[in-house]
C-alpha atoms as a PDB file:
ATOM      1  CA  MET A   1     -11.380   3.778  30.788  1.00  0.00           C
ATOM      2  CA  THR A   2      -9.757   6.795  32.569  1.00  0.00           C
ATOM      3  CA  LYS A   3      -8.267   8.377  29.497  1.00  0.00           C
ATOM      4  CA  LYS A   4     -10.006   8.841  26.078  1.00  0.00           C
ATOM      5  CA  ILE A   5      -7.712   7.013  23.793  1.00  0.00           C
ATOM      6  CA  ILE A   6      -9.707   6.636  20.663  1.00  0.00           C
ATOM      7  CA  LYS A   7     -11.488   9.396  18.878  1.00  0.00           C
ATOM      8  CA  THR A   8     -14.649   8.749  16.784  1.00  0.00           C
ATOM      9  CA  ILE A   9     -14.603   9.418  13.014  1.00  0.00           C
ATOM     10  CA  GLU A  10     -16.825  12.473  13.658  1.00  0.00           C
ATOM     11  CA  GLU A  11     -14.265  13.984  15.935  1.00  0.00           C
ATOM     12  CA  LEU A  12     -11.498  13.227  13.498  1.00  0.00           C
ATOM     13  CA  ASN A  13     -13.410  14.906  10.637  1.00  0.00           C
ATOM     14  CA  ILE A  14     -14.543  18.105  12.445  1.00  0.00           C
ATOM     15  CA  SER A  15     -12.234  20.151  10.146  1.00  0.00           C
ATOM     16  CA  SER A  16      -9.981  19.098   7.302  1.00  0.00           C
ATOM     17  CA  SER A  17      -7.118  21.239   8.659  1.00  0.00           C
ATOM     18  CA  SER A  18      -7.133  19.656  12.196  1.00  0.00           C
ATOM     19  CA  SER A  19      -4.564  17.082  12.986  1.00  0.00           C
ATOM     20  CA  VAL A  20      -4.959  13.861  14.823  1.00  0.00           C
ATOM     21  CA  ASP A  21      -3.433  13.524  18.257  1.00  0.00           C
ATOM     22  CA  SER A  22      -0.167  11.612  18.247  1.00  0.00           C
ATOM     23  CA  GLU A  23      -1.293   9.363  21.132  1.00  0.00           C
ATOM     24  CA  PRO A  24      -0.333   5.887  20.323  1.00  0.00           C
ATOM     25  CA  LEU A  25      -2.915   3.055  20.303  1.00  0.00           C
ATOM     26  CA  CYS A  26      -1.562   0.303  22.259  1.00  0.00           C
ATOM     27  CA  SER A  27      -2.562  -3.448  21.721  1.00  0.00           C
ATOM     28  CA  ALA A  28      -4.121  -3.516  25.267  1.00  0.00           C
ATOM     29  CA  THR A  29      -6.457  -0.842  24.287  1.00  0.00           C
ATOM     30  CA  ILE A  30      -7.511  -2.725  21.094  1.00  0.00           C
ATOM     31  CA  ARG A  31      -8.078  -5.832  23.154  1.00  0.00           C
ATOM     32  CA  GLU A  32     -10.172  -3.928  25.719  1.00  0.00           C
ATOM     33  CA  LEU A  33     -12.451  -2.669  22.887  1.00  0.00           C
ATOM     34  CA  GLY A  34     -13.262  -6.210  21.667  1.00  0.00           C
ATOM     35  CA  GLY A  35     -10.518  -7.416  19.278  1.00  0.00           C
ATOM     36  CA  ASN A  36      -9.696  -6.375  15.770  1.00  0.00           C
ATOM     37  CA  SER A  37     -10.374  -2.812  14.750  1.00  0.00           C
ATOM     38  CA  SER A  38     -10.903  -0.989  11.583  1.00  0.00           C
ATOM     39  CA  LEU A  39      -8.381   1.585  12.433  1.00  0.00           C
ATOM     40  CA  GLY A  40      -5.821   0.707   9.834  1.00  0.00           C
ATOM     41  CA  LEU A  41      -4.062  -1.915  11.997  1.00  0.00           C
ATOM     42  CA  LEU A  42      -3.011  -4.985  10.049  1.00  0.00           C
ATOM     43  CA  PRO A  43      -3.190  -8.523  11.319  1.00  0.00           C
ATOM     44  CA  PRO A  44      -0.092 -10.713  11.191  1.00  0.00           C
ATOM     45  CA  ALA A  45       0.590 -12.430   7.962  1.00  0.00           C
ATOM     46  CA  SER A  46      -1.233 -15.715   7.386  1.00  0.00           C
ATOM     47  CA  ARG A  47      -0.430 -18.646   4.881  1.00  0.00           C
ATOM     48  CA  TYR A  48      -3.068 -19.334   2.349  1.00  0.00           C
ATOM     49  CA  PHE A  49      -3.648 -22.115  -0.159  1.00  0.00           C
ATOM     50  CA  ILE A  50      -5.367 -20.837  -3.224  1.00  0.00           C
ATOM     51  CA  THR A  51      -6.805 -22.752  -6.270  1.00  0.00           C
ATOM     52  CA  VAL A  52      -7.344 -20.676  -9.555  1.00  0.00           C
ATOM     53  CA  ALA A  53      -9.633 -22.714 -11.903  1.00  0.00           C
ATOM     54  CA  MET A  54     -10.753 -20.486 -14.627  1.00  0.00           C
ATOM     55  CA  PRO A  55     -14.265 -21.166 -15.699  1.00  0.00           C
ATOM     56  CA  HIS A  56     -14.290 -23.002 -19.073  1.00  0.00           C
ATOM     57  CA  LYS A  57     -16.712 -20.530 -20.647  1.00  0.00           C
ATOM     58  CA  GLU A  58     -15.116 -17.443 -19.130  1.00  0.00           C
ATOM     59  CA  LYS A  59     -13.816 -15.107 -21.933  1.00  0.00           C
ATOM     60  CA  VAL A  60     -10.373 -13.966 -21.273  1.00  0.00           C
ATOM     61  CA  PRO A  61      -8.247 -11.421 -23.041  1.00  0.00           C
ATOM     62  CA  TRP A  62      -6.012 -12.979 -25.657  1.00  0.00           C
ATOM     63  CA  ASN A  63      -4.162 -11.406 -28.656  1.00  0.00           C
ATOM     64  CA  ASN A  64      -6.410  -8.193 -28.401  1.00  0.00           C
ATOM     65  CA  LYS A  65      -9.737 -10.202 -28.401  1.00  0.00           C
ATOM     66  CA  LYS A  66     -11.949 -12.146 -25.886  1.00  0.00           C
ATOM     67  CA  ILE A  67     -11.756 -15.982 -26.086  1.00  0.00           C
ATOM     68  CA  GLU A  68     -13.280 -18.708 -24.042  1.00  0.00           C
ATOM     69  CA  TYR A  69     -10.603 -20.055 -21.563  1.00  0.00           C
ATOM     70  CA  ARG A  70     -11.310 -23.520 -22.789  1.00  0.00           C
ATOM     71  CA  MET A  71     -10.366 -22.507 -26.300  1.00  0.00           C
ATOM     72  CA  LEU A  72      -6.759 -21.547 -25.368  1.00  0.00           C
ATOM     73  CA  LYS A  73      -4.175 -24.173 -25.951  1.00  0.00           C
ATOM     74  CA  THR A  74      -2.529 -25.632 -22.969  1.00  0.00           C
ATOM     75  CA  ARG A  75       0.706 -23.448 -23.311  1.00  0.00           C
ATOM     76  CA  GLU A  76      -1.503 -20.395 -23.676  1.00  0.00           C
ATOM     77  CA  GLN A  77      -3.427 -21.218 -20.554  1.00  0.00           C
ATOM     78  CA  HIS A  78      -0.041 -21.520 -18.721  1.00  0.00           C
ATOM     79  CA  ILE A  79       0.971 -17.988 -20.017  1.00  0.00           C
ATOM     80  CA  TYR A  80      -2.433 -16.583 -18.980  1.00  0.00           C
ATOM     81  CA  LEU A  81      -2.262 -18.181 -15.478  1.00  0.00           C
ATOM     82  CA  SER A  82       1.287 -17.226 -14.962  1.00  0.00           C
ATOM     83  CA  LYS A  83       0.259 -13.538 -14.930  1.00  0.00           C
ATOM     84  CA  VAL A  84      -0.856 -14.142 -11.290  1.00  0.00           C
ATOM     85  CA  ALA A  85       2.788 -13.997 -10.346  1.00  0.00           C
ATOM     86  CA  LYS A  86       2.835 -10.201 -11.097  1.00  0.00           C
ATOM     87  CA  LEU A  87      -0.029  -9.749  -8.545  1.00  0.00           C
ATOM     88  CA  LEU A  88       1.645 -11.975  -5.969  1.00  0.00           C
ATOM     89  CA  ASP A  89       4.856  -9.984  -6.355  1.00  0.00           C
ATOM     90  CA  ASP A  90       3.086  -6.929  -5.040  1.00  0.00           C
ATOM     91  CA  ILE A  91       1.179  -8.626  -2.225  1.00  0.00           C
ATOM     92  CA  SER A  92       3.230 -11.456  -0.866  1.00  0.00           C
ATOM     93  CA  PRO A  93       6.844 -11.781   0.237  1.00  0.00           C
ATOM     94  CA  LYS A  94       6.794 -15.540  -0.515  1.00  0.00           C
ATOM     95  CA  TYR A  95       4.703 -17.651  -2.822  1.00  0.00           C
ATOM     96  CA  LEU A  96       4.678 -20.894  -4.690  1.00  0.00           C
ATOM     97  CA  ILE A  97       2.648 -21.617  -7.938  1.00  0.00           C
ATOM     98  CA  VAL A  98       2.082 -25.247  -9.093  1.00  0.00           C
ATOM     99  CA  PHE A  99       0.234 -26.008 -12.462  1.00  0.00           C
ATOM    100  CA  GLU A 100      -2.027 -28.991 -12.907  1.00  0.00           C
ATOM    101  CA  HIS A 101      -4.411 -30.303 -15.521  1.00  0.00           C
ATOM    102  CA  CYS A 102      -8.121 -30.736 -14.821  1.00  0.00           C
ATOM    103  CA  ASN A 103     -10.021 -33.825 -16.107  1.00  0.00           C
ATOM    104  CA  SER A 104     -11.032 -31.725 -19.114  1.00  0.00           C
ATOM    105  CA  GLY A 105      -7.382 -31.137 -19.934  1.00  0.00           C
ATOM    106  CA  ASP A 106      -7.425 -27.325 -19.085  1.00  0.00           C
ATOM    107  CA  LEU A 107      -4.848 -26.035 -16.827  1.00  0.00           C
ATOM    108  CA  HIS A 108      -5.463 -24.633 -13.350  1.00  0.00           C
ATOM    109  CA  CYS A 109      -3.007 -23.656 -10.652  1.00  0.00           C
ATOM    110  CA  HIS A 110      -2.532 -23.949  -6.918  1.00  0.00           C
ATOM    111  CA  ILE A 111      -0.816 -21.190  -4.780  1.00  0.00           C
ATOM    112  CA  THR A 112       0.556 -21.088  -1.434  1.00  0.00           C
ATOM    113  CA  CYS A 113       1.558 -17.628  -0.172  1.00  0.00           C
ATOM    114  CA  SER A 114       1.947 -15.445   2.832  1.00  0.00           C
ATOM    115  CA  TYR A 115      -0.527 -12.484   2.999  1.00  0.00           C
ATOM    116  CA  ILE A 116      -1.179  -9.710   5.475  1.00  0.00           C
ATOM    117  CA  GLY A 117      -4.903  -9.192   5.427  1.00  0.00           C
ATOM    118  CA  CYS A 118      -8.143 -11.352   5.440  1.00  0.00           C
ATOM    119  CA  ARG A 119      -8.974 -14.195   3.180  1.00  0.00           C
ATOM    120  CA  LYS A 120     -11.814 -12.368   1.477  1.00  0.00           C
ATOM    121  CA  ASP A 121      -9.465  -9.501   0.367  1.00  0.00           C
ATOM    122  CA  LEU A 122      -6.969 -11.974  -1.029  1.00  0.00           C
ATOM    123  CA  ARG A 123      -9.734 -13.672  -3.033  1.00  0.00           C
ATOM    124  CA  LEU A 124     -11.002 -10.330  -4.360  1.00  0.00           C
ATOM    125  CA  ASP A 125      -7.411  -9.365  -5.277  1.00  0.00           C
ATOM    126  CA  ILE A 126      -7.183 -12.419  -7.537  1.00  0.00           C
ATOM    127  CA  LEU A 127     -10.734 -12.121  -8.910  1.00  0.00           C
ATOM    128  CA  ARG A 128     -10.114  -8.689 -10.011  1.00  0.00           C
ATOM    129  CA  HIS A 129      -6.623  -9.406 -11.327  1.00  0.00           C
ATOM    130  CA  PHE A 130      -8.151 -11.998 -13.718  1.00  0.00           C
ATOM    131  CA  ASP A 131     -11.320  -9.914 -14.231  1.00  0.00           C
ATOM    132  CA  ILE A 132     -13.505 -12.917 -13.297  1.00  0.00           C
ATOM    133  CA  LYS A 133     -17.205 -12.315 -13.129  1.00  0.00           C
ATOM    134  CA  PRO A 134     -18.586 -12.636  -9.468  1.00  0.00           C
ATOM    135  CA  CYS A 135     -21.072 -15.290 -10.580  1.00  0.00           C
ATOM    136  CA  TYR A 136     -18.198 -17.748 -10.845  1.00  0.00           C
ATOM    137  CA  VAL A 137     -17.938 -18.291  -7.206  1.00  0.00           C
ATOM    138  CA  ASN A 138     -15.816 -21.353  -7.352  1.00  0.00           C
ATOM    139  CA  ALA A 139     -13.141 -20.094  -9.763  1.00  0.00           C
ATOM    140  CA  ILE A 140     -11.033 -18.845  -6.846  1.00  0.00           C
ATOM    141  CA  ASP A 141     -10.821 -20.969  -3.585  1.00  0.00           C
ATOM    142  CA  VAL A 142      -8.811 -19.575  -0.735  1.00  0.00           C
ATOM    143  CA  ARG A 143      -8.104 -21.496   2.451  1.00  0.00           C
ATOM    144  CA  GLU A 144      -6.000 -20.792   5.391  1.00  0.00           C
ATOM    145  CA  ILE A 145      -3.072 -23.470   5.687  1.00  0.00           C
ATOM    146  CA  TYR A 146      -3.013 -25.320   8.921  1.00  0.00           C
ATOM    147  CA  ASP A 147      -0.870 -28.258   7.889  1.00  0.00           C
ATOM    148  CA  GLU A 148       2.162 -27.550   5.832  1.00  0.00           C
ATOM    149  CA  GLU A 149       3.297 -31.126   5.617  1.00  0.00           C
ATOM    150  CA  HIS A 150       0.022 -32.403   4.337  1.00  0.00           C
ATOM    151  CA  LEU A 151      -0.066 -29.561   1.798  1.00  0.00           C
ATOM    152  CA  LYS A 152       3.556 -30.338   0.604  1.00  0.00           C
ATOM    153  CA  ASN A 153       2.595 -33.922   0.064  1.00  0.00           C
ATOM    154  CA  TYR A 154      -0.404 -32.965  -1.776  1.00  0.00           C
ATOM    155  CA  LEU A 155       1.293 -30.445  -4.164  1.00  0.00           C
ATOM    156  CA  LEU A 156       4.697 -31.978  -4.675  1.00  0.00           C
ATOM    157  CA  GLU A 157       4.722 -35.690  -3.727  1.00  0.00           C
ATOM    158  CA  LYS A 158       1.190 -36.961  -4.473  1.00  0.00           C
ATOM    159  CA  ASP A 159       0.469 -39.954  -6.683  1.00  0.00           C
ATOM    160  CA  LYS A 160       0.384 -38.552 -10.143  1.00  0.00           C
ATOM    161  CA  LYS A 161      -2.702 -39.196 -12.103  1.00  0.00           C
ATOM    162  CA  LYS A 162      -2.529 -38.471 -15.735  1.00  0.00           C
ATOM    163  CA  TYR A 163      -4.714 -35.398 -15.572  1.00  0.00           C
ATOM    164  CA  GLN A 164      -2.730 -33.957 -12.705  1.00  0.00           C
ATOM    165  CA  THR A 165       0.723 -34.122 -14.249  1.00  0.00           C
ATOM    166  CA  SER A 166       2.064 -30.931 -15.851  1.00  0.00           C
ATOM    167  CA  THR A 167       5.204 -30.265 -17.659  1.00  0.00           C
ATOM    168  CA  PHE A 168       5.177 -26.588 -16.610  1.00  0.00           C
ATOM    169  CA  PRO A 169       7.670 -25.640 -13.923  1.00  0.00           C
ATOM    170  CA  LYS A 170       6.595 -24.280 -10.639  1.00  0.00           C
ATOM    171  CA  ILE A 171       7.028 -20.509  -9.957  1.00  0.00           C
ATOM    172  CA  GLU A 172       8.552 -19.581  -6.633  1.00  0.00           C
ATOM    173  CA  LYS A 173       9.531 -16.361  -5.044  1.00  0.00           C
ATOM    174  CA  ASN A 174      11.872 -16.426  -1.952  1.00  0.00           C
ATOM    175  CA  PRO A 175      11.612 -20.226  -1.466  1.00  0.00           C
ATOM    176  CA  ILE A 176       9.220 -21.199   1.268  1.00  0.00           C
ATOM    177  CA  GLU A 177      11.379 -23.024   3.937  1.00  0.00           C
ATOM    178  CA  GLU A 178       8.570 -25.339   4.835  1.00  0.00           C
ATOM    179  CA  PHE A 179       8.547 -26.615   1.234  1.00  0.00           C
ATOM    180  CA  ASN A 180      12.219 -27.156   0.876  1.00  0.00           C
END
């Protein structure tokens, strides 16, 4: 490279009063350096499919006390899971939440959303939102969506087994065109 474009962290931190050059970082420079960087540049938004299945023995806050998730009535589980919409409002311009019953009768939800960032960060956002212990590795499953049509059929048009049906309405922000 004929021109020094990127400064090291040490050079940027020489003094707290110094300012960083206003030289723009171009995408060609990032590619030349080997792909993604940790310079605060964000990847484009990706679409993700998320399953939130609260562990049955996980204690969740309810009426100023902690109670096992499985001890909440179905309507209470719906209220508890619906709180994820507040998080999604902050991190995603578009999302869809669909509620389903497990074989046990407990409620879980599936979410599709657009997200700028990596899959791990999205998973951690949801784990932290619900304050789920890290030992419950299967409580939150996040996958990148590659086939919108298959996902639409799975969520909205599948053969409804008794345990999958739910009377709770879906929650949607800025309807996702692929699903309408």
